[in-house]
PDB file of N, CA and C in Angstrom:
ATOM      1  N   MET A   1     -45.048  50.471 -20.621  1.00  0.00           N
ATOM      2  CA  MET A   1     -44.724  49.645 -19.465  1.00  0.00           C
ATOM      3  C   MET A   1     -43.585  48.693 -19.848  1.00  0.00           C
ATOM      4  N   PRO A   2     -42.522  48.557 -19.043  1.00  0.00           N
ATOM      5  CA  PRO A   2     -41.426  47.653 -19.343  1.00  0.00           C
ATOM      6  C   PRO A   2     -41.900  46.207 -19.369  1.00  0.00           C
ATOM      7  N   THR A   3     -41.231  45.432 -20.179  1.00  0.00           N
ATOM      8  CA  THR A   3     -41.543  44.006 -20.241  1.00  0.00           C
ATOM      9  C   THR A   3     -40.349  43.204 -19.752  1.00  0.00           C
ATOM     10  N   MET A   4     -40.563  41.911 -19.558  1.00  0.00           N
ATOM     11  CA  MET A   4     -39.484  41.047 -19.079  1.00  0.00           C
ATOM     12  C   MET A   4     -38.386  40.876 -20.129  1.00  0.00           C
ATOM     13  N   THR A   5     -38.619  41.281 -21.379  1.00  0.00           N
ATOM     14  CA  THR A   5     -37.620  41.084 -22.414  1.00  0.00           C
ATOM     15  C   THR A   5     -36.796  42.324 -22.698  1.00  0.00           C
ATOM     16  N   GLU A   6     -37.096  43.439 -22.063  1.00  0.00           N
ATOM     17  CA  GLU A   6     -36.330  44.651 -22.295  1.00  0.00           C
ATOM     18  C   GLU A   6     -34.968  44.572 -21.613  1.00  0.00           C
ATOM     19  N   SER A   7     -33.996  45.232 -22.208  1.00  0.00           N
ATOM     20  CA  SER A   7     -32.654  45.267 -21.632  1.00  0.00           C
ATOM     21  C   SER A   7     -32.657  46.074 -20.348  1.00  0.00           C
ATOM     22  N   PRO A   8     -31.831  45.679 -19.372  1.00  0.00           N
ATOM     23  CA  PRO A   8     -31.781  46.455 -18.129  1.00  0.00           C
ATOM     24  C   PRO A   8     -31.069  47.775 -18.340  1.00  0.00           C
ATOM     25  N   THR A   9     -31.342  48.743 -17.484  1.00  0.00           N
ATOM     26  CA  THR A   9     -30.643  50.022 -17.537  1.00  0.00           C
ATOM     27  C   THR A   9     -29.239  49.824 -16.977  1.00  0.00           C
ATOM     28  N   LEU A  10     -28.431  50.843 -17.097  1.00  0.00           N
ATOM     29  CA  LEU A  10     -27.074  50.774 -16.560  1.00  0.00           C
ATOM     30  C   LEU A  10     -27.113  50.537 -15.056  1.00  0.00           C
ATOM     31  N   ALA A  11     -28.001  51.226 -14.363  1.00  0.00           N
ATOM     32  CA  ALA A  11     -28.109  51.042 -12.914  1.00  0.00           C
ATOM     33  C   ALA A  11     -28.499  49.602 -12.584  1.00  0.00           C
ATOM     34  N   ALA A  12     -29.408  49.039 -13.354  1.00  0.00           N
ATOM     35  CA  ALA A  12     -29.813  47.652 -13.129  1.00  0.00           C
ATOM     36  C   ALA A  12     -28.638  46.717 -13.393  1.00  0.00           C
ATOM     37  N   SER A  13     -27.866  46.995 -14.433  1.00  0.00           N
ATOM     38  CA  SER A  13     -26.692  46.170 -14.734  1.00  0.00           C
ATOM     39  C   SER A  13     -25.699  46.199 -13.582  1.00  0.00           C
ATOM     40  N   GLU A  14     -25.514  47.377 -13.009  1.00  0.00           N
ATOM     41  CA  GLU A  14     -24.612  47.499 -11.869  1.00  0.00           C
ATOM     42  C   GLU A  14     -25.166  46.772 -10.649  1.00  0.00           C
ATOM     43  N   ALA A  15     -26.481  46.741 -10.519  1.00  0.00           N
ATOM     44  CA  ALA A  15     -27.103  46.069  -9.380  1.00  0.00           C
ATOM     45  C   ALA A  15     -26.917  44.560  -9.444  1.00  0.00           C
ATOM     46  N   VAL A  16     -26.877  43.993 -10.641  1.00  0.00           N
ATOM     47  CA  VAL A  16     -26.750  42.541 -10.754  1.00  0.00           C
ATOM     48  C   VAL A  16     -25.298  42.088 -10.775  1.00  0.00           C
ATOM     49  N   ALA A  17     -24.360  42.992 -11.011  1.00  0.00           N
ATOM     50  CA  ALA A  17     -22.942  42.612 -11.123  1.00  0.00           C
ATOM     51  C   ALA A  17     -22.436  41.806  -9.926  1.00  0.00           C
ATOM     52  N   PRO A  18     -22.710  42.216  -8.683  1.00  0.00           N
ATOM     53  CA  PRO A  18     -22.226  41.415  -7.561  1.00  0.00           C
ATOM     54  C   PRO A  18     -22.843  40.010  -7.522  1.00  0.00           C
ATOM     55  N   TRP A  19     -24.097  39.915  -7.949  1.00  0.00           N
ATOM     56  CA  TRP A  19     -24.771  38.616  -7.962  1.00  0.00           C
ATOM     57  C   TRP A  19     -24.179  37.719  -9.041  1.00  0.00           C
ATOM     58  N   LEU A  20     -23.805  38.290 -10.175  1.00  0.00           N
ATOM     59  CA  LEU A  20     -23.164  37.511 -11.233  1.00  0.00           C
ATOM     60  C   LEU A  20     -21.789  37.026 -10.779  1.00  0.00           C
ATOM     61  N   ALA A  21     -21.056  37.894 -10.093  1.00  0.00           N
ATOM     62  CA  ALA A  21     -19.741  37.498  -9.577  1.00  0.00           C
ATOM     63  C   ALA A  21     -19.878  36.381  -8.544  1.00  0.00           C
ATOM     64  N   GLU A  22     -20.880  36.482  -7.691  1.00  0.00           N
ATOM     65  CA  GLU A  22     -21.108  35.441  -6.685  1.00  0.00           C
ATOM     66  C   GLU A  22     -21.490  34.118  -7.349  1.00  0.00           C
ATOM     67  N   HIS A  23     -22.283  34.195  -8.389  1.00  0.00           N
ATOM     68  CA  HIS A  23     -22.638  32.966  -9.108  1.00  0.00           C
ATOM     69  C   HIS A  23     -21.399  32.329  -9.732  1.00  0.00           C
ATOM     70  N   GLU A  24     -20.522  33.142 -10.290  1.00  0.00           N
ATOM     71  CA  GLU A  24     -19.295  32.606 -10.888  1.00  0.00           C
ATOM     72  C   GLU A  24     -18.429  31.915  -9.825  1.00  0.00           C
ATOM     73  N   ARG A  25     -18.328  32.526  -8.643  1.00  0.00           N
ATOM     74  CA  ARG A  25     -17.583  31.896  -7.557  1.00  0.00           C
ATOM     75  C   ARG A  25     -18.228  30.566  -7.187  1.00  0.00           C
ATOM     76  N   PHE A  26     -19.538  30.565  -7.049  1.00  0.00           N
ATOM     77  CA  PHE A  26     -20.280  29.347  -6.736  1.00  0.00           C
ATOM     78  C   PHE A  26     -20.025  28.273  -7.792  1.00  0.00           C
ATOM     79  N   ARG A  27     -20.088  28.654  -9.065  1.00  0.00           N
ATOM     80  CA  ARG A  27     -19.902  27.696 -10.161  1.00  0.00           C
ATOM     81  C   ARG A  27     -18.513  27.052 -10.111  1.00  0.00           C
ATOM     82  N   ARG A  28     -17.500  27.874  -9.820  1.00  0.00           N
ATOM     83  CA  ARG A  28     -16.123  27.340  -9.762  1.00  0.00           C
ATOM     84  C   ARG A  28     -15.933  26.371  -8.602  1.00  0.00           C
ATOM     85  N   GLU A  29     -16.711  26.535  -7.541  1.00  0.00           N
ATOM     86  CA  GLU A  29     -16.551  25.688  -6.362  1.00  0.00           C
ATOM     87  C   GLU A  29     -17.407  24.424  -6.390  1.00  0.00           C
ATOM     88  N   LEU A  30     -18.214  24.266  -7.434  1.00  0.00           N
ATOM     89  CA  LEU A  30     -19.037  23.063  -7.528  1.00  0.00           C
ATOM     90  C   LEU A  30     -18.145  21.837  -7.725  1.00  0.00           C
ATOM     91  N   PRO A  31     -18.524  20.707  -7.152  1.00  0.00           N
ATOM     92  CA  PRO A  31     -17.732  19.494  -7.359  1.00  0.00           C
ATOM     93  C   PRO A  31     -17.836  19.027  -8.814  1.00  0.00           C
ATOM     94  N   ALA A  32     -16.814  18.336  -9.256  1.00  0.00           N
ATOM     95  CA  ALA A  32     -16.810  17.786 -10.616  1.00  0.00           C
ATOM     96  C   ALA A  32     -17.896  16.724 -10.734  1.00  0.00           C
ATOM     97  N   GLY A  33     -18.321  16.499 -11.943  1.00  0.00           N
ATOM     98  CA  GLY A  33     -19.286  15.440 -12.169  1.00  0.00           C
ATOM     99  C   GLY A  33     -20.739  15.871 -12.124  1.00  0.00           C
ATOM    100  N   GLU A  34     -20.984  17.158 -12.107  1.00  0.00           N
ATOM    101  CA  GLU A  34     -22.361  17.632 -12.119  1.00  0.00           C
ATOM    102  C   GLU A  34     -22.984  17.275 -13.476  1.00  0.00           C
ATOM    103  N   PRO A  35     -24.227  16.810 -13.492  1.00  0.00           N
ATOM    104  CA  PRO A  35     -24.869  16.446 -14.759  1.00  0.00           C
ATOM    105  C   PRO A  35     -24.883  17.614 -15.750  1.00  0.00           C
ATOM    106  N   ALA A  36     -24.658  17.316 -17.014  1.00  0.00           N
ATOM    107  CA  ALA A  36     -24.614  18.339 -18.053  1.00  0.00           C
ATOM    108  C   ALA A  36     -25.934  19.101 -18.142  1.00  0.00           C
ATOM    109  N   ALA A  37     -27.043  18.412 -17.936  1.00  0.00           N
ATOM    110  CA  ALA A  37     -28.350  19.069 -18.007  1.00  0.00           C
ATOM    111  C   ALA A  37     -28.475  20.140 -16.918  1.00  0.00           C
ATOM    112  N   LEU A  38     -27.958  19.864 -15.738  1.00  0.00           N
ATOM    113  CA  LEU A  38     -28.015  20.834 -14.649  1.00  0.00           C
ATOM    114  C   LEU A  38     -27.097  22.018 -14.937  1.00  0.00           C
ATOM    115  N   GLN A  39     -25.929  21.738 -15.493  1.00  0.00           N
ATOM    116  CA  GLN A  39     -25.019  22.824 -15.877  1.00  0.00           C
ATOM    117  C   GLN A  39     -25.685  23.741 -16.893  1.00  0.00           C
ATOM    118  N   ALA A  40     -26.348  23.157 -17.885  1.00  0.00           N
ATOM    119  CA  ALA A  40     -27.014  23.933 -18.926  1.00  0.00           C
ATOM    120  C   ALA A  40     -28.154  24.759 -18.334  1.00  0.00           C
ATOM    121  N   LEU A  41     -28.905  24.183 -17.413  1.00  0.00           N
ATOM    122  CA  LEU A  41     -30.005  24.897 -16.780  1.00  0.00           C
ATOM    123  C   LEU A  41     -29.494  26.085 -15.974  1.00  0.00           C
ATOM    124  N   ARG A  42     -28.427  25.880 -15.205  1.00  0.00           N
ATOM    125  CA  ARG A  42     -27.848  26.983 -14.427  1.00  0.00           C
ATOM    126  C   ARG A  42     -27.313  28.080 -15.335  1.00  0.00           C
ATOM    127  N   ARG A  43     -26.635  27.677 -16.413  1.00  0.00           N
ATOM    128  CA  ARG A  43     -26.063  28.655 -17.346  1.00  0.00           C
ATOM    129  C   ARG A  43     -27.185  29.479 -17.996  1.00  0.00           C
ATOM    130  N   SER A  44     -28.241  28.824 -18.406  1.00  0.00           N
ATOM    131  CA  SER A  44     -29.374  29.509 -19.011  1.00  0.00           C
ATOM    132  C   SER A  44     -30.019  30.487 -18.026  1.00  0.00           C
ATOM    133  N   ALA A  45     -30.181  30.059 -16.791  1.00  0.00           N
ATOM    134  CA  ALA A  45     -30.813  30.906 -15.779  1.00  0.00           C
ATOM    135  C   ALA A  45     -29.969  32.141 -15.478  1.00  0.00           C
ATOM    136  N   ILE A  46     -28.668  31.979 -15.320  1.00  0.00           N
ATOM    137  CA  ILE A  46     -27.835  33.135 -14.975  1.00  0.00           C
ATOM    138  C   ILE A  46     -27.709  34.089 -16.169  1.00  0.00           C
ATOM    139  N   GLU A  47     -27.722  33.552 -17.387  1.00  0.00           N
ATOM    140  CA  GLU A  47     -27.693  34.408 -18.568  1.00  0.00           C
ATOM    141  C   GLU A  47     -28.981  35.227 -18.658  1.00  0.00           C
ATOM    142  N   ARG A  48     -30.102  34.608 -18.339  1.00  0.00           N
ATOM    143  CA  ARG A  48     -31.386  35.335 -18.356  1.00  0.00           C
ATOM    144  C   ARG A  48     -31.394  36.419 -17.270  1.00  0.00           C
ATOM    145  N   PHE A  49     -30.897  36.084 -16.091  1.00  0.00           N
ATOM    146  CA  PHE A  49     -30.815  37.068 -15.016  1.00  0.00           C
ATOM    147  C   PHE A  49     -29.899  38.224 -15.419  1.00  0.00           C
ATOM    148  N   ALA A  50     -28.761  37.912 -16.054  1.00  0.00           N
ATOM    149  CA  ALA A  50     -27.832  38.958 -16.484  1.00  0.00           C
ATOM    150  C   ALA A  50     -28.489  39.879 -17.504  1.00  0.00           C
ATOM    151  N   THR A  51     -29.345  39.330 -18.348  1.00  0.00           N
ATOM    152  CA  THR A  51     -30.034  40.121 -19.362  1.00  0.00           C
ATOM    153  C   THR A  51     -31.162  40.955 -18.774  1.00  0.00           C
ATOM    154  N   LEU A  52     -31.975  40.340 -17.922  1.00  0.00           N
ATOM    155  CA  LEU A  52     -33.176  41.002 -17.414  1.00  0.00           C
ATOM    156  C   LEU A  52     -32.959  41.770 -16.117  1.00  0.00           C
ATOM    157  N   GLY A  53     -31.995  41.345 -15.315  1.00  0.00           N
ATOM    158  CA  GLY A  53     -31.792  41.971 -14.015  1.00  0.00           C
ATOM    159  C   GLY A  53     -32.914  41.636 -13.056  1.00  0.00           C
ATOM    160  N   PHE A  54     -32.993  42.387 -11.976  1.00  0.00           N
ATOM    161  CA  PHE A  54     -34.058  42.188 -11.006  1.00  0.00           C
ATOM    162  C   PHE A  54     -35.358  42.741 -11.574  1.00  0.00           C
ATOM    163  N   PRO A  55     -36.471  42.117 -11.275  1.00  0.00           N
ATOM    164  CA  PRO A  55     -37.745  42.647 -11.762  1.00  0.00           C
ATOM    165  C   PRO A  55     -38.045  44.000 -11.113  1.00  0.00           C
ATOM    166  N   THR A  56     -38.823  44.789 -11.815  1.00  0.00           N
ATOM    167  CA  THR A  56     -39.208  46.103 -11.296  1.00  0.00           C
ATOM    168  C   THR A  56     -40.653  46.058 -10.826  1.00  0.00           C
ATOM    169  N   LEU A  57     -41.057  47.083 -10.113  1.00  0.00           N
ATOM    170  CA  LEU A  57     -42.439  47.152  -9.641  1.00  0.00           C
ATOM    171  C   LEU A  57     -43.416  47.392 -10.790  1.00  0.00           C
ATOM    172  N   GLN A  58     -42.920  47.786 -11.955  1.00  0.00           N
ATOM    173  CA  GLN A  58     -43.793  48.007 -13.101  1.00  0.00           C
ATOM    174  C   GLN A  58     -44.113  46.705 -13.844  1.00  0.00           C
ATOM    175  N   GLN A  59     -43.384  45.647 -13.591  1.00  0.00           N
ATOM    176  CA  GLN A  59     -43.637  44.380 -14.266  1.00  0.00           C
ATOM    177  C   GLN A  59     -44.756  43.646 -13.530  1.00  0.00           C
ATOM    178  N   GLU A  60     -45.803  43.336 -14.244  1.00  0.00           N
ATOM    179  CA  GLU A  60     -47.036  42.833 -13.653  1.00  0.00           C
ATOM    180  C   GLU A  60     -46.823  41.672 -12.691  1.00  0.00           C
ATOM    181  N   ALA A  61     -46.045  40.690 -13.059  1.00  0.00           N
ATOM    182  CA  ALA A  61     -45.867  39.519 -12.206  1.00  0.00           C
ATOM    183  C   ALA A  61     -45.213  39.865 -10.868  1.00  0.00           C
ATOM    184  N   TRP A  62     -44.505  40.988 -10.814  1.00  0.00           N
ATOM    185  CA  TRP A  62     -43.776  41.363  -9.601  1.00  0.00           C
ATOM    186  C   TRP A  62     -44.352  42.618  -8.954  1.00  0.00           C
ATOM    187  N   ARG A  63     -45.483  43.074  -9.409  1.00  0.00           N
ATOM    188  CA  ARG A  63     -46.028  44.366  -8.988  1.00  0.00           C
ATOM    189  C   ARG A  63     -46.072  44.549  -7.471  1.00  0.00           C
ATOM    190  N   LEU A  64     -46.401  43.535  -6.726  1.00  0.00           N
ATOM    191  CA  LEU A  64     -46.545  43.675  -5.279  1.00  0.00           C
ATOM    192  C   LEU A  64     -45.335  43.145  -4.491  1.00  0.00           C
ATOM    193  N   THR A  65     -44.269  42.821  -5.200  1.00  0.00           N
ATOM    194  CA  THR A  65     -43.082  42.286  -4.537  1.00  0.00           C
ATOM    195  C   THR A  65     -41.940  43.286  -4.662  1.00  0.00           C
ATOM    196  N   ASN A  66     -41.470  43.782  -3.545  1.00  0.00           N
ATOM    197  CA  ASN A  66     -40.338  44.716  -3.544  1.00  0.00           C
ATOM    198  C   ASN A  66     -39.056  43.898  -3.432  1.00  0.00           C
ATOM    199  N   VAL A  67     -38.284  43.832  -4.523  1.00  0.00           N
ATOM    200  CA  VAL A  67     -37.043  43.064  -4.520  1.00  0.00           C
ATOM    201  C   VAL A  67     -35.831  43.922  -4.184  1.00  0.00           C
ATOM    202  N   ALA A  68     -36.046  45.186  -3.833  1.00  0.00           N
ATOM    203  CA  ALA A  68     -34.928  46.086  -3.506  1.00  0.00           C
ATOM    204  C   ALA A  68     -34.035  45.527  -2.395  1.00  0.00           C
ATOM    205  N   PRO A  69     -34.578  44.952  -1.317  1.00  0.00           N
ATOM    206  CA  PRO A  69     -33.688  44.400  -0.294  1.00  0.00           C
ATOM    207  C   PRO A  69     -32.805  43.266  -0.824  1.00  0.00           C
ATOM    208  N   ILE A  70     -33.322  42.479  -1.743  1.00  0.00           N
ATOM    209  CA  ILE A  70     -32.532  41.402  -2.341  1.00  0.00           C
ATOM    210  C   ILE A  70     -31.444  41.994  -3.218  1.00  0.00           C
ATOM    211  N   ALA A  71     -31.798  42.973  -4.028  1.00  0.00           N
ATOM    212  CA  ALA A  71     -30.856  43.595  -4.932  1.00  0.00           C
ATOM    213  C   ALA A  71     -29.706  44.273  -4.195  1.00  0.00           C
ATOM    214  N   ARG A  72     -30.019  44.823  -3.011  1.00  0.00           N
ATOM    215  CA  ARG A  72     -28.966  45.480  -2.211  1.00  0.00           C
ATOM    216  C   ARG A  72     -28.010  44.468  -1.587  1.00  0.00           C
ATOM    217  N   GLY A  73     -28.434  43.226  -1.491  1.00  0.00           N
ATOM    218  CA  GLY A  73     -27.583  42.184  -0.920  1.00  0.00           C
ATOM    219  C   GLY A  73     -27.706  42.133   0.508  1.00  0.00           C
TER     220      GLY A  73
END
């Protein structure tokens, strides 16, 4: 059974690419002066998302949640 720490497949990597690009656009448009702690938290979260991708139906915590509509955008 896949775990939350396994690397995403190529298809999963392609699925998150538009979301990563959108996050980068969002980050560039943020006003100056954002607290460093918030910047670090956002950076950590997007790096984790880039590594793990969208959860699958095989991952216990997400077993009953279909994230396919979110992944499709």
